[in-house]
Amino acid sequence: QVQLVESGGGSVQAGGSLRLSCDSSGIPFGANTMDWAHQAPGKDRERIATITRAGDTSYTDSVKGRFTISRDNAKNTLYLQMNDLKIEDTGVYCCHTCYKDSWGQGTRVTVSS
C-alpha cells in the first residue's frame, strides 16, 4: 500500500522559511520521480517542483530561486525547503509520485504579512 505523509507546514510571516517533508512507504522511492504540488485557496493544484531519480530538479517560475526540492533515498523521504515565503505561497502542499500516480494528503502553509 502506497503511503505519502507530508509534514512541516504551519504559519509564518512573509519572508520566512519552512521545510516540508514527505515520508513514503510502499513505493520503490529511489526509482521514481517525485514532485511537490501547491494548491492555493480557490485554485487548482499546481506542480511546483520535481526531482528525478537521478537528482535532476526543475521548478515552476513562481518558486525558482526560493524553493529547493531534495530527496534522501535512504530514508524514503522527499523535502521542500521554502525560503523568502510570500503571501501567495499560502495553501496546501502535497507530494506526488509517478508510481501508481499517488498523492499525499498535504500539509497546510499560511503566510501572513
PDB file of N, CA and C in Angstrom:
ATOM      1  N   GLN A   1       0.856  -1.187   0.000  1.00  0.00           N
ATOM      2  CA  GLN A   1       0.000   0.000   0.000  1.00  0.00           C
ATOM      3  C   GLN A   1       0.895   1.241   0.000  1.00  0.00           C
ATOM      4  N   VAL A   2       0.615   2.139  -0.949  1.00  0.00           N
ATOM      5  CA  VAL A   2       1.397   3.364  -1.059  1.00  0.00           C
ATOM      6  C   VAL A   2       0.933   4.364  -0.013  1.00  0.00           C
ATOM      7  N   GLN A   3       1.904   4.928   0.711  1.00  0.00           N
ATOM      8  CA  GLN A   3       1.589   5.997   1.658  1.00  0.00           C
ATOM      9  C   GLN A   3       2.582   7.127   1.489  1.00  0.00           C
ATOM     10  N   LEU A   4       2.050   8.330   1.384  1.00  0.00           N
ATOM     11  CA  LEU A   4       2.848   9.550   1.351  1.00  0.00           C
ATOM     12  C   LEU A   4       2.305  10.456   2.442  1.00  0.00           C
ATOM     13  N   VAL A   5       3.151  10.813   3.398  1.00  0.00           N
ATOM     14  CA  VAL A   5       2.704  11.608   4.544  1.00  0.00           C
ATOM     15  C   VAL A   5       3.558  12.858   4.652  1.00  0.00           C
ATOM     16  N   GLU A   6       2.912  13.999   4.416  1.00  0.00           N
ATOM     17  CA  GLU A   6       3.603  15.278   4.478  1.00  0.00           C
ATOM     18  C   GLU A   6       3.576  15.848   5.890  1.00  0.00           C
ATOM     19  N   SER A   7       4.601  16.633   6.199  1.00  0.00           N
ATOM     20  CA  SER A   7       4.666  17.336   7.478  1.00  0.00           C
ATOM     21  C   SER A   7       5.512  18.590   7.308  1.00  0.00           C
ATOM     22  N   GLY A   8       5.471  19.445   8.321  1.00  0.00           N
ATOM     23  CA  GLY A   8       6.314  20.634   8.305  1.00  0.00           C
ATOM     24  C   GLY A   8       5.600  21.926   7.991  1.00  0.00           C
ATOM     25  N   GLY A   9       4.325  21.854   7.650  1.00  0.00           N
ATOM     26  CA  GLY A   9       3.578  23.069   7.368  1.00  0.00           C
ATOM     27  C   GLY A   9       3.331  23.874   8.634  1.00  0.00           C
ATOM     28  N   GLY A  10       2.783  25.061   8.445  1.00  0.00           N
ATOM     29  CA  GLY A  10       2.484  25.911   9.586  1.00  0.00           C
ATOM     30  C   GLY A  10       2.252  27.337   9.148  1.00  0.00           C
ATOM     31  N   SER A  11       2.274  28.237  10.113  1.00  0.00           N
ATOM     32  CA  SER A  11       2.068  29.653   9.842  1.00  0.00           C
ATOM     33  C   SER A  11       3.380  30.398   9.971  1.00  0.00           C
ATOM     34  N   VAL A  12       3.632  31.284   9.039  1.00  0.00           N
ATOM     35  CA  VAL A  12       4.896  32.014   9.021  1.00  0.00           C
ATOM     36  C   VAL A  12       4.648  33.396   8.425  1.00  0.00           C
ATOM     37  N   GLN A  13       5.467  34.342   8.805  1.00  0.00           N
ATOM     38  CA  GLN A  13       5.368  35.681   8.212  1.00  0.00           C
ATOM     39  C   GLN A  13       6.073  35.716   6.868  1.00  0.00           C
ATOM     40  N   ALA A  14       5.638  36.616   6.033  1.00  0.00           N
ATOM     41  CA  ALA A  14       6.281  36.806   4.733  1.00  0.00           C
ATOM     42  C   ALA A  14       7.772  37.039   4.921  1.00  0.00           C
ATOM     43  N   GLY A  15       8.551  36.384   4.063  1.00  0.00           N
ATOM     44  CA  GLY A  15       9.992  36.449   4.177  1.00  0.00           C
ATOM     45  C   GLY A  15      10.597  35.311   4.983  1.00  0.00           C
ATOM     46  N   GLY A  16       9.750  34.564   5.661  1.00  0.00           N
ATOM     47  CA  GLY A  16      10.224  33.466   6.486  1.00  0.00           C
ATOM     48  C   GLY A  16      10.478  32.201   5.684  1.00  0.00           C
ATOM     49  N   SER A  17      10.805  31.141   6.410  1.00  0.00           N
ATOM     50  CA  SER A  17      11.160  29.865   5.787  1.00  0.00           C
ATOM     51  C   SER A  17      10.444  28.707   6.463  1.00  0.00           C
ATOM     52  N   LEU A  18      10.229  27.671   5.704  1.00  0.00           N
ATOM     53  CA  LEU A  18       9.715  26.409   6.216  1.00  0.00           C
ATOM     54  C   LEU A  18      10.374  25.273   5.442  1.00  0.00           C
ATOM     55  N   ARG A  19      10.451  24.122   6.086  1.00  0.00           N
ATOM     56  CA  ARG A  19      10.943  22.924   5.414  1.00  0.00           C
ATOM     57  C   ARG A  19       9.887  21.854   5.518  1.00  0.00           C
ATOM     58  N   LEU A  20       9.390  21.422   4.386  1.00  0.00           N
ATOM     59  CA  LEU A  20       8.391  20.368   4.330  1.00  0.00           C
ATOM     60  C   LEU A  20       9.071  19.021   4.111  1.00  0.00           C
ATOM     61  N   SER A  21       8.455  17.987   4.666  1.00  0.00           N
ATOM     62  CA  SER A  21       8.932  16.626   4.464  1.00  0.00           C
ATOM     63  C   SER A  21       7.786  15.764   3.954  1.00  0.00           C
ATOM     64  N   CYS A  22       8.134  14.742   3.221  1.00  0.00           N
ATOM     65  CA  CYS A  22       7.152  13.762   2.744  1.00  0.00           C
ATOM     66  C   CYS A  22       7.759  12.383   2.961  1.00  0.00           C
ATOM     67  N   ASP A  23       7.228  11.670   3.947  1.00  0.00           N
ATOM     68  CA  ASP A  23       7.691  10.322   4.237  1.00  0.00           C
ATOM     69  C   ASP A  23       6.890   9.331   3.402  1.00  0.00           C
ATOM     70  N   SER A  24       7.594   8.432   2.742  1.00  0.00           N
ATOM     71  CA  SER A  24       6.909   7.499   1.863  1.00  0.00           C
ATOM     72  C   SER A  24       7.103   6.062   2.314  1.00  0.00           C
ATOM     73  N   SER A  25       6.130   5.229   1.950  1.00  0.00           N
ATOM     74  CA  SER A  25       6.242   3.787   2.162  1.00  0.00           C
ATOM     75  C   SER A  25       5.436   3.096   1.078  1.00  0.00           C
ATOM     76  N   GLY A  26       5.806   1.857   0.810  1.00  0.00           N
ATOM     77  CA  GLY A  26       5.061   1.091  -0.182  1.00  0.00           C
ATOM     78  C   GLY A  26       5.416   1.403  -1.624  1.00  0.00           C
ATOM     79  N   ILE A  27       6.485   2.199  -1.832  1.00  0.00           N
ATOM     80  CA  ILE A  27       6.908   2.514  -3.201  1.00  0.00           C
ATOM     81  C   ILE A  27       8.408   2.302  -3.325  1.00  0.00           C
ATOM     82  N   PRO A  28       8.883   2.013  -4.525  1.00  0.00           N
ATOM     83  CA  PRO A  28      10.343   1.980  -4.764  1.00  0.00           C
ATOM     84  C   PRO A  28      10.850   3.401  -4.894  1.00  0.00           C
ATOM     85  N   PHE A  29      11.014   4.060  -3.719  1.00  0.00           N
ATOM     86  CA  PHE A  29      11.214   5.510  -3.679  1.00  0.00           C
ATOM     87  C   PHE A  29      12.363   5.953  -4.569  1.00  0.00           C
ATOM     88  N   GLY A  30      13.496   5.305  -4.445  1.00  0.00           N
ATOM     89  CA  GLY A  30      14.693   5.746  -5.169  1.00  0.00           C
ATOM     90  C   GLY A  30      14.582   5.614  -6.670  1.00  0.00           C
ATOM     91  N   ALA A  31      13.625   4.871  -7.140  1.00  0.00           N
ATOM     92  CA  ALA A  31      13.490   4.614  -8.570  1.00  0.00           C
ATOM     93  C   ALA A  31      12.481   5.531  -9.246  1.00  0.00           C
ATOM     94  N   ASN A  32      11.886   6.438  -8.494  1.00  0.00           N
ATOM     95  CA  ASN A  32      10.791   7.228  -9.041  1.00  0.00           C
ATOM     96  C   ASN A  32      11.014   8.728  -8.950  1.00  0.00           C
ATOM     97  N   THR A  33      10.533   9.414  -9.978  1.00  0.00           N
ATOM     98  CA  THR A  33      10.461  10.870  -9.935  1.00  0.00           C
ATOM     99  C   THR A  33       9.426  11.284  -8.894  1.00  0.00           C
ATOM    100  N   MET A  34       9.754  12.322  -8.158  1.00  0.00           N
ATOM    101  CA  MET A  34       8.868  12.834  -7.110  1.00  0.00           C
ATOM    102  C   MET A  34       8.591  14.312  -7.367  1.00  0.00           C
ATOM    103  N   ASP A  35       7.417  14.759  -6.946  1.00  0.00           N
ATOM    104  CA  ASP A  35       7.024  16.152  -7.138  1.00  0.00           C
ATOM    105  C   ASP A  35       6.451  16.727  -5.855  1.00  0.00           C
ATOM    106  N   TRP A  36       6.498  18.051  -5.788  1.00  0.00           N
ATOM    107  CA  TRP A  36       5.688  18.796  -4.824  1.00  0.00           C
ATOM    108  C   TRP A  36       4.680  19.619  -5.632  1.00  0.00           C
ATOM    109  N   ALA A  37       3.471  19.683  -5.112  1.00  0.00           N
ATOM    110  CA  ALA A  37       2.427  20.489  -5.735  1.00  0.00           C
ATOM    111  C   ALA A  37       1.849  21.441  -4.697  1.00  0.00           C
ATOM    112  N   HIS A  38       1.322  22.550  -5.186  1.00  0.00           N
ATOM    113  CA  HIS A  38       0.747  23.583  -4.329  1.00  0.00           C
ATOM    114  C   HIS A  38      -0.672  23.875  -4.786  1.00  0.00           C
ATOM    115  N   GLN A  39      -1.590  23.885  -3.815  1.00  0.00           N
ATOM    116  CA  GLN A  39      -2.956  24.290  -4.118  1.00  0.00           C
ATOM    117  C   GLN A  39      -3.299  25.505  -3.289  1.00  0.00           C
ATOM    118  N   ALA A  40      -3.364  26.650  -3.943  1.00  0.00           N
ATOM    119  CA  ALA A  40      -3.760  27.883  -3.264  1.00  0.00           C
ATOM    120  C   ALA A  40      -5.270  27.870  -3.046  1.00  0.00           C
ATOM    121  N   PRO A  41      -5.753  28.618  -2.067  1.00  0.00           N
ATOM    122  CA  PRO A  41      -7.196  28.659  -1.802  1.00  0.00           C
ATOM    123  C   PRO A  41      -7.989  29.047  -3.043  1.00  0.00           C
ATOM    124  N   GLY A  42      -8.969  28.215  -3.402  1.00  0.00           N
ATOM    125  CA  GLY A  42      -9.822  28.513  -4.534  1.00  0.00           C
ATOM    126  C   GLY A  42      -9.210  28.267  -5.895  1.00  0.00           C
ATOM    127  N   LYS A  43      -8.021  27.662  -5.930  1.00  0.00           N
ATOM    128  CA  LYS A  43      -7.340  27.438  -7.210  1.00  0.00           C
ATOM    129  C   LYS A  43      -7.023  25.953  -7.399  1.00  0.00           C
ATOM    130  N   ASP A  44      -6.671  25.614  -8.625  1.00  0.00           N
ATOM    131  CA  ASP A  44      -6.306  24.239  -8.922  1.00  0.00           C
ATOM    132  C   ASP A  44      -4.911  23.922  -8.368  1.00  0.00           C
ATOM    133  N   ARG A  45      -4.691  22.655  -8.132  1.00  0.00           N
ATOM    134  CA  ARG A  45      -3.377  22.195  -7.695  1.00  0.00           C
ATOM    135  C   ARG A  45      -2.371  22.354  -8.831  1.00  0.00           C
ATOM    136  N   GLU A  46      -1.180  22.808  -8.477  1.00  0.00           N
ATOM    137  CA  GLU A  46      -0.135  23.052  -9.482  1.00  0.00           C
ATOM    138  C   GLU A  46       1.170  22.412  -9.015  1.00  0.00           C
ATOM    139  N   ARG A  47       1.782  21.662  -9.884  1.00  0.00           N
ATOM    140  CA  ARG A  47       3.100  21.103  -9.555  1.00  0.00           C
ATOM    141  C   ARG A  47       4.130  22.220  -9.604  1.00  0.00           C
ATOM    142  N   ILE A  48       4.936  22.318  -8.559  1.00  0.00           N
ATOM    143  CA  ILE A  48       5.869  23.432  -8.456  1.00  0.00           C
ATOM    144  C   ILE A  48       7.325  22.994  -8.457  1.00  0.00           C
ATOM    145  N   ALA A  49       7.585  21.737  -8.118  1.00  0.00           N
ATOM    146  CA  ALA A  49       8.975  21.279  -8.068  1.00  0.00           C
ATOM    147  C   ALA A  49       9.017  19.779  -8.338  1.00  0.00           C
ATOM    148  N   THR A  50      10.024  19.359  -9.086  1.00  0.00           N
ATOM    149  CA  THR A  50      10.182  17.960  -9.469  1.00  0.00           C
ATOM    150  C   THR A  50      11.628  17.544  -9.282  1.00  0.00           C
ATOM    151  N   ILE A  51      11.826  16.311  -8.825  1.00  0.00           N
ATOM    152  CA  ILE A  51      13.178  15.752  -8.741  1.00  0.00           C
ATOM    153  C   ILE A  51      13.143  14.341  -9.312  1.00  0.00           C
ATOM    154  N   THR A  52      14.046  14.074 -10.244  1.00  0.00           N
ATOM    155  CA  THR A  52      14.107  12.754 -10.858  1.00  0.00           C
ATOM    156  C   THR A  52      14.887  11.807  -9.960  1.00  0.00           C
ATOM    157  N   ARG A  53      14.884  10.533 -10.345  1.00  0.00           N
ATOM    158  CA  ARG A  53      15.638   9.564  -9.561  1.00  0.00           C
ATOM    159  C   ARG A  53      17.135   9.831  -9.647  1.00  0.00           C
ATOM    160  N   ALA A  54      17.548  10.531 -10.696  1.00  0.00           N
ATOM    161  CA  ALA A  54      18.961  10.894 -10.846  1.00  0.00           C
ATOM    162  C   ALA A  54      19.317  12.149 -10.050  1.00  0.00           C
ATOM    163  N   GLY A  55      18.298  12.803  -9.499  1.00  0.00           N
ATOM    164  CA  GLY A  55      18.542  14.008  -8.719  1.00  0.00           C
ATOM    165  C   GLY A  55      18.426  15.298  -9.498  1.00  0.00           C
ATOM    166  N   ASP A  56      18.007  15.219 -10.751  1.00  0.00           N
ATOM    167  CA  ASP A  56      17.797  16.435 -11.532  1.00  0.00           C
ATOM    168  C   ASP A  56      16.526  17.118 -11.054  1.00  0.00           C
ATOM    169  N   THR A  57      16.583  18.443 -10.952  1.00  0.00           N
ATOM    170  CA  THR A  57      15.452  19.191 -10.416  1.00  0.00           C
ATOM    171  C   THR A  57      14.921  20.200 -11.424  1.00  0.00           C
ATOM    172  N   SER A  58      13.651  20.536 -11.262  1.00  0.00           N
ATOM    173  CA  SER A  58      13.034  21.586 -12.054  1.00  0.00           C
ATOM    174  C   SER A  58      11.966  22.256 -11.220  1.00  0.00           C
ATOM    175  N   TYR A  59      11.701  23.537 -11.525  1.00  0.00           N
ATOM    176  CA  TYR A  59      10.786  24.346 -10.733  1.00  0.00           C
ATOM    177  C   TYR A  59       9.897  25.200 -11.627  1.00  0.00           C
ATOM    178  N   THR A  60       8.707  25.485 -11.126  1.00  0.00           N
ATOM    179  CA  THR A  60       7.896  26.466 -11.808  1.00  0.00           C
ATOM    180  C   THR A  60       8.485  27.849 -11.524  1.00  0.00           C
ATOM    181  N   ASP A  61       8.222  28.789 -12.414  1.00  0.00           N
ATOM    182  CA  ASP A  61       8.871  30.098 -12.313  1.00  0.00           C
ATOM    183  C   ASP A  61       8.579  30.802 -10.990  1.00  0.00           C
ATOM    184  N   SER A  62       7.398  30.601 -10.445  1.00  0.00           N
ATOM    185  CA  SER A  62       6.995  31.349  -9.251  1.00  0.00           C
ATOM    186  C   SER A  62       7.818  30.990  -8.016  1.00  0.00           C
ATOM    187  N   VAL A  63       8.460  29.832  -8.016  1.00  0.00           N
ATOM    188  CA  VAL A  63       9.233  29.420  -6.834  1.00  0.00           C
ATOM    189  C   VAL A  63      10.717  29.295  -7.117  1.00  0.00           C
ATOM    190  N   LYS A  64      11.100  29.450  -8.362  1.00  0.00           N
ATOM    191  CA  LYS A  64      12.504  29.294  -8.750  1.00  0.00           C
ATOM    192  C   LYS A  64      13.372  30.286  -7.978  1.00  0.00           C
ATOM    193  N   GLY A  65      14.446  29.791  -7.395  1.00  0.00           N
ATOM    194  CA  GLY A  65      15.341  30.644  -6.626  1.00  0.00           C
ATOM    195  C   GLY A  65      14.959  30.789  -5.169  1.00  0.00           C
ATOM    196  N   ARG A  66      13.754  30.358  -4.816  1.00  0.00           N
ATOM    197  CA  ARG A  66      13.296  30.451  -3.419  1.00  0.00           C
ATOM    198  C   ARG A  66      13.102  29.085  -2.786  1.00  0.00           C
ATOM    199  N   PHE A  67      12.653  28.107  -3.570  1.00  0.00           N
ATOM    200  CA  PHE A  67      12.366  26.774  -3.061  1.00  0.00           C
ATOM    201  C   PHE A  67      13.412  25.789  -3.593  1.00  0.00           C
ATOM    202  N   THR A  68      13.704  24.780  -2.779  1.00  0.00           N
ATOM    203  CA  THR A  68      14.630  23.728  -3.180  1.00  0.00           C
ATOM    204  C   THR A  68      14.043  22.365  -2.846  1.00  0.00           C
ATOM    205  N   ILE A  69      13.911  21.524  -3.856  1.00  0.00           N
ATOM    206  CA  ILE A  69      13.441  20.157  -3.654  1.00  0.00           C
ATOM    207  C   ILE A  69      14.654  19.247  -3.509  1.00  0.00           C
ATOM    208  N   SER A  70      14.548  18.287  -2.600  1.00  0.00           N
ATOM    209  CA  SER A  70      15.637  17.325  -2.420  1.00  0.00           C
ATOM    210  C   SER A  70      15.046  16.003  -1.949  1.00  0.00           C
ATOM    211  N   ARG A  71      15.885  14.993  -1.949  1.00  0.00           N
ATOM    212  CA  ARG A  71      15.399  13.673  -1.544  1.00  0.00           C
ATOM    213  C   ARG A  71      16.503  12.941  -0.800  1.00  0.00           C
ATOM    214  N   ASP A  72      16.090  12.084   0.127  1.00  0.00           N
ATOM    215  CA  ASP A  72      17.001  11.195   0.826  1.00  0.00           C
ATOM    216  C   ASP A  72      16.499   9.783   0.568  1.00  0.00           C
ATOM    217  N   ASN A  73      17.124   9.106  -0.371  1.00  0.00           N
ATOM    218  CA  ASN A  73      16.641   7.782  -0.760  1.00  0.00           C
ATOM    219  C   ASN A  73      16.821   6.756   0.355  1.00  0.00           C
ATOM    220  N   ALA A  74      17.787   6.965   1.219  1.00  0.00           N
ATOM    221  CA  ALA A  74      17.997   6.034   2.330  1.00  0.00           C
ATOM    222  C   ALA A  74      16.850   6.111   3.341  1.00  0.00           C
ATOM    223  N   LYS A  75      16.236   7.286   3.428  1.00  0.00           N
ATOM    224  CA  LYS A  75      15.132   7.487   4.370  1.00  0.00           C
ATOM    225  C   LYS A  75      13.768   7.464   3.683  1.00  0.00           C
ATOM    226  N   ASN A  76      13.759   7.280   2.360  1.00  0.00           N
ATOM    227  CA  ASN A  76      12.500   7.314   1.596  1.00  0.00           C
ATOM    228  C   ASN A  76      11.728   8.601   1.856  1.00  0.00           C
ATOM    229  N   THR A  77      12.447   9.708   1.894  1.00  0.00           N
ATOM    230  CA  THR A  77      11.844  10.985   2.256  1.00  0.00           C
ATOM    231  C   THR A  77      12.171  12.050   1.218  1.00  0.00           C
ATOM    232  N   LEU A  78      11.151  12.833   0.912  1.00  0.00           N
ATOM    233  CA  LEU A  78      11.246  13.966  -0.001  1.00  0.00           C
ATOM    234  C   LEU A  78      11.149  15.239   0.818  1.00  0.00           C
ATOM    235  N   TYR A  79      11.887  16.272   0.404  1.00  0.00           N
ATOM    236  CA  TYR A  79      11.886  17.535   1.136  1.00  0.00           C
ATOM    237  C   TYR A  79      11.579  18.698   0.208  1.00  0.00           C
ATOM    238  N   LEU A  80      11.086  19.780   0.816  1.00  0.00           N
ATOM    239  CA  LEU A  80      10.948  21.048   0.108  1.00  0.00           C
ATOM    240  C   LEU A  80      11.364  22.158   1.069  1.00  0.00           C
ATOM    241  N   GLN A  81      12.505  22.757   0.800  1.00  0.00           N
ATOM    242  CA  GLN A  81      12.950  23.909   1.567  1.00  0.00           C
ATOM    243  C   GLN A  81      12.368  25.154   0.921  1.00  0.00           C
ATOM    244  N   MET A  82      11.612  25.905   1.694  1.00  0.00           N
ATOM    245  CA  MET A  82      10.931  27.088   1.172  1.00  0.00           C
ATOM    246  C   MET A  82      11.478  28.320   1.887  1.00  0.00           C
ATOM    247  N   ASN A  83      12.118  29.189   1.147  1.00  0.00           N
ATOM    248  CA  ASN A  83      12.669  30.417   1.688  1.00  0.00           C
ATOM    249  C   ASN A  83      11.974  31.631   1.087  1.00  0.00           C
ATOM    250  N   ASP A  84      12.119  32.773   1.761  1.00  0.00           N
ATOM    251  CA  ASP A  84      11.534  34.022   1.279  1.00  0.00           C
ATOM    252  C   ASP A  84      10.063  33.813   0.901  1.00  0.00           C
ATOM    253  N   LEU A  85       9.322  33.257   1.831  1.00  0.00           N
ATOM    254  CA  LEU A  85       7.925  32.931   1.561  1.00  0.00           C
ATOM    255  C   LEU A  85       7.099  34.193   1.318  1.00  0.00           C
ATOM    256  N   LYS A  86       6.146  34.073   0.406  1.00  0.00           N
ATOM    257  CA  LYS A  86       5.267  35.175   0.039  1.00  0.00           C
ATOM    258  C   LYS A  86       3.830  34.798   0.384  1.00  0.00           C
ATOM    259  N   ILE A  87       2.983  35.803   0.505  1.00  0.00           N
ATOM    260  CA  ILE A  87       1.588  35.553   0.861  1.00  0.00           C
ATOM    261  C   ILE A  87       0.949  34.599  -0.144  1.00  0.00           C
ATOM    262  N   GLU A  88       1.323  34.706  -1.391  1.00  0.00           N
ATOM    263  CA  GLU A  88       0.733  33.850  -2.428  1.00  0.00           C
ATOM    264  C   GLU A  88       1.220  32.401  -2.347  1.00  0.00           C
ATOM    265  N   ASP A  89       2.156  32.116  -1.476  1.00  0.00           N
ATOM    266  CA  ASP A  89       2.574  30.727  -1.245  1.00  0.00           C
ATOM    267  C   ASP A  89       1.627  29.999  -0.289  1.00  0.00           C
ATOM    268  N   THR A  90       0.700  30.715   0.267  1.00  0.00           N
ATOM    269  CA  THR A  90      -0.292  30.103   1.157  1.00  0.00           C
ATOM    270  C   THR A  90      -1.058  28.999   0.429  1.00  0.00           C
ATOM    271  N   GLY A  91      -1.329  27.917   1.143  1.00  0.00           N
ATOM    272  CA  GLY A  91      -2.111  26.834   0.565  1.00  0.00           C
ATOM    273  C   GLY A  91      -1.684  25.489   1.119  1.00  0.00           C
ATOM    274  N   VAL A  92      -2.142  24.464   0.442  1.00  0.00           N
ATOM    275  CA  VAL A  92      -1.821  23.091   0.825  1.00  0.00           C
ATOM    276  C   VAL A  92      -0.743  22.553  -0.114  1.00  0.00           C
ATOM    277  N   TYR A  93       0.265  21.932   0.480  1.00  0.00           N
ATOM    278  CA  TYR A  93       1.374  21.364  -0.285  1.00  0.00           C
ATOM    279  C   TYR A  93       1.301  19.840  -0.192  1.00  0.00           C
ATOM    280  N   CYS A  94       1.308  19.207  -1.349  1.00  0.00           N
ATOM    281  CA  CYS A  94       1.212  17.747  -1.425  1.00  0.00           C
ATOM    282  C   CYS A  94       2.422  17.196  -2.158  1.00  0.00           C
ATOM    283  N   CYS A  95       2.837  16.013  -1.769  1.00  0.00           N
ATOM    284  CA  CYS A  95       3.862  15.324  -2.566  1.00  0.00           C
ATOM    285  C   CYS A  95       3.195  14.286  -3.452  1.00  0.00           C
ATOM    286  N   HIS A  96       3.892  13.944  -4.502  1.00  0.00           N
ATOM    287  CA  HIS A  96       3.348  13.058  -5.533  1.00  0.00           C
ATOM    288  C   HIS A  96       4.458  12.182  -6.079  1.00  0.00           C
ATOM    289  N   THR A  97       4.093  10.950  -6.405  1.00  0.00           N
ATOM    290  CA  THR A  97       4.996  10.057  -7.111  1.00  0.00           C
ATOM    291  C   THR A  97       4.304   9.508  -8.344  1.00  0.00           C
ATOM    292  N   CYS A  98       5.094   9.308  -9.370  1.00  0.00           N
ATOM    293  CA  CYS A  98       4.554   8.707 -10.585  1.00  0.00           C
ATOM    294  C   CYS A  98       4.127   7.263 -10.339  1.00  0.00           C
ATOM    295  N   TYR A  99       4.674   6.640  -9.321  1.00  0.00           N
ATOM    296  CA  TYR A  99       4.343   5.248  -9.001  1.00  0.00           C
ATOM    297  C   TYR A  99       2.869   5.171  -8.624  1.00  0.00           C
ATOM    298  N   LYS A 100       2.075   4.585  -9.486  1.00  0.00           N
ATOM    299  CA  LYS A 100       0.622   4.472  -9.306  1.00  0.00           C
ATOM    300  C   LYS A 100      -0.041   5.845  -9.173  1.00  0.00           C
ATOM    301  N   ASP A 101       0.655   6.879  -9.661  1.00  0.00           N
ATOM    302  CA  ASP A 101       0.122   8.252  -9.635  1.00  0.00           C
ATOM    303  C   ASP A 101      -0.434   8.570  -8.248  1.00  0.00           C
ATOM    304  N   SER A 102       0.407   8.471  -7.236  1.00  0.00           N
ATOM    305  CA  SER A 102      -0.035   8.568  -5.841  1.00  0.00           C
ATOM    306  C   SER A 102       0.221   9.954  -5.262  1.00  0.00           C
ATOM    307  N   TRP A 103      -0.716  10.409  -4.452  1.00  0.00           N
ATOM    308  CA  TRP A 103      -0.644  11.716  -3.804  1.00  0.00           C
ATOM    309  C   TRP A 103      -0.765  11.567  -2.295  1.00  0.00           C
ATOM    310  N   GLY A 104      -0.082  12.455  -1.569  1.00  0.00           N
ATOM    311  CA  GLY A 104      -0.286  12.548  -0.140  1.00  0.00           C
ATOM    312  C   GLY A 104      -1.476  13.443   0.164  1.00  0.00           C
ATOM    313  N   GLN A 105      -1.831  13.533   1.453  1.00  0.00           N
ATOM    314  CA  GLN A 105      -2.982  14.336   1.870  1.00  0.00           C
ATOM    315  C   GLN A 105      -2.646  15.817   1.953  1.00  0.00           C
ATOM    316  N   GLY A 106      -1.376  16.111   2.126  1.00  0.00           N
ATOM    317  CA  GLY A 106      -0.962  17.508   2.129  1.00  0.00           C
ATOM    318  C   GLY A 106      -0.705  18.061   3.513  1.00  0.00           C
ATOM    319  N   THR A 107       0.049  19.159   3.517  1.00  0.00           N
ATOM    320  CA  THR A 107       0.305  19.913   4.738  1.00  0.00           C
ATOM    321  C   THR A 107       0.051  21.387   4.413  1.00  0.00           C
ATOM    322  N   ARG A 108      -0.564  22.077   5.363  1.00  0.00           N
ATOM    323  CA  ARG A 108      -1.014  23.446   5.085  1.00  0.00           C
ATOM    324  C   ARG A 108       0.036  24.462   5.488  1.00  0.00           C
ATOM    325  N   VAL A 109       0.211  25.440   4.611  1.00  0.00           N
ATOM    326  CA  VAL A 109       1.136  26.556   4.857  1.00  0.00           C
ATOM    327  C   VAL A 109       0.348  27.855   4.768  1.00  0.00           C
ATOM    328  N   THR A 110       0.508  28.692   5.783  1.00  0.00           N
ATOM    329  CA  THR A 110      -0.132  30.001   5.781  1.00  0.00           C
ATOM    330  C   THR A 110       0.943  31.062   5.947  1.00  0.00           C
ATOM    331  N   VAL A 111       0.995  31.973   4.986  1.00  0.00           N
ATOM    332  CA  VAL A 111       1.974  33.061   5.026  1.00  0.00           C
ATOM    333  C   VAL A 111       1.225  34.367   5.215  1.00  0.00           C
ATOM    334  N   SER A 112       1.600  35.108   6.243  1.00  0.00           N
ATOM    335  CA  SER A 112       0.915  36.365   6.549  1.00  0.00           C
ATOM    336  C   SER A 112       1.878  37.543   6.426  1.00  0.00           C
ATOM    337  N   SER A 113       1.297  38.709   6.299  1.00  0.00           N
ATOM    338  CA  SER A 113       2.139  39.924   6.161  1.00  0.00           C
ATOM    339  C   SER A 113       2.557  40.458   7.515  1.00  0.00           C
TER     340      SER A 113
END
